[in-house]
Amino acid sequence: MNLGLVYMKFRAFLRRFRNEESGQDLAEYCLLTALLTLVAAGIFVYASGGVQAIWAGANTSLTAGETVTSTTTSSASASAPAGTPGP
């Protein structure tokens, strides 16, 4: 086979490959979907730390409130005379 013929066929192949765009849309949609997925995952990871902090703060407040309430109730019951209602 002549080297010039191989070169011409290779150039024709490259020209067809460069001009053909039938699969380009699908590739672009796949890349766009992958980018959106990565952005959504990043937002999820970032937001999960914030949500976790909110739940931890609420848990701390509820635990502290329950401790204060149970302490107040038990000390009020202990100091009230018998037969009188507590607070």
Protein backbone atom coordinates (compact mmCIF):
# COMPACT_ATOMS: atom_id res chain seq x y z
CA MET A 1 0.00 0.00 0.00
CA ASN A 2 1.28 3.43 -0.89
CA LEU A 3 2.12 5.74 2.03
CA GLY A 4 0.45 8.66 0.25
CA LEU A 5 -2.80 6.68 0.01
CA VAL A 6 -2.71 5.91 3.74
CA TYR A 7 -2.11 9.58 4.48
CA MET A 8 -5.06 10.64 2.28
CA LYS A 9 -7.38 8.08 3.88
CA PHE A 10 -6.31 9.15 7.35
CA ARG A 11 -6.95 12.82 6.50
CA ALA A 12 -10.38 11.91 5.09
CA PHE A 13 -11.16 10.00 8.29
CA LEU A 14 -10.13 12.96 10.44
CA ARG A 15 -12.21 15.33 8.32
CA ARG A 16 -15.30 13.10 8.65
CA PHE A 17 -14.69 12.68 12.37
CA ARG A 18 -14.38 16.43 12.88
CA ASN A 19 -17.50 17.30 10.83
CA GLU A 20 -19.78 14.60 12.18
CA GLU A 21 -21.77 15.84 15.19
CA SER A 22 -24.42 13.16 15.60
CA GLY A 23 -23.27 12.06 19.08
CA GLN A 24 -22.17 15.47 20.29
CA ASP A 25 -25.53 16.41 21.82
CA LEU A 26 -25.66 13.23 23.88
CA ALA A 27 -22.13 13.78 25.15
CA GLU A 28 -22.92 17.37 26.09
CA TYR A 29 -26.06 16.31 27.98
CA CYS A 30 -24.07 13.63 29.83
CA LEU A 31 -21.43 16.16 30.85
CA LEU A 32 -24.08 18.65 31.94
CA THR A 33 -25.86 15.97 33.98
CA ALA A 34 -22.58 14.97 35.63
CA LEU A 35 -21.84 18.60 36.48
CA LEU A 36 -25.29 19.13 37.98
CA THR A 37 -24.93 15.94 40.00
CA LEU A 38 -21.60 17.09 41.43
CA VAL A 39 -23.03 20.51 42.30
CA ALA A 40 -26.07 18.91 43.97
CA ALA A 41 -23.82 16.55 45.95
CA GLY A 42 -21.69 19.49 47.07
CA ILE A 43 -24.77 21.43 48.19
CA PHE A 44 -26.06 18.36 50.02
CA VAL A 45 -22.78 17.84 51.88
CA TYR A 46 -22.56 21.55 52.74
CA ALA A 47 -26.18 21.74 53.89
CA SER A 48 -26.02 18.52 55.89
CA GLY A 49 -23.49 20.09 58.25
CA GLY A 50 -25.84 23.04 58.80
CA VAL A 51 -28.84 20.82 59.39
CA GLN A 52 -26.85 18.69 61.78
CA ALA A 53 -25.85 21.81 63.73
CA ILE A 54 -29.50 22.91 63.95
CA TRP A 55 -30.58 19.51 65.28
CA ALA A 56 -27.69 19.45 67.75
CA GLY A 57 -28.65 22.92 69.02
CA ALA A 58 -32.29 21.92 69.38
CA ASN A 59 -31.29 18.75 71.21
CA THR A 60 -29.08 20.73 73.59
CA SER A 61 -31.87 23.23 74.29
CA LEU A 62 -34.41 20.49 74.90
CA THR A 63 -32.08 18.57 77.17
CA ALA A 64 -31.23 21.70 79.17
CA GLY A 65 -34.90 22.64 79.45
CA GLU A 66 -35.85 19.16 80.58
CA THR A 67 -33.08 19.19 83.19
CA VAL A 68 -34.15 22.58 84.54
CA THR A 69 -37.83 21.56 84.58
CA SER A 70 -37.19 18.26 86.35
CA THR A 71 -34.90 19.96 88.90
CA THR A 72 -37.42 22.72 89.58
CA THR A 73 -40.31 20.28 89.87
CA SER A 74 -38.47 17.95 92.24
CA SER A 75 -37.21 20.79 94.47
CA ALA A 76 -40.66 22.44 94.57
CA SER A 77 -42.30 19.14 95.51
CA ALA A 78 -39.78 18.54 98.27
CA SER A 79 -40.24 22.01 99.82
CA ALA A 80 -44.05 22.16 99.63
CA PRO A 81 -45.95 21.18 102.78
CA ALA A 82 -48.11 18.12 102.59
CA GLY A 83 -51.57 18.75 101.14
CA THR A 84 -50.65 21.91 99.17
CA PRO A 85 -50.52 21.81 95.41
CA GLY A 86 -47.16 22.40 93.73
CA PRO A 87 -46.49 25.16 91.17
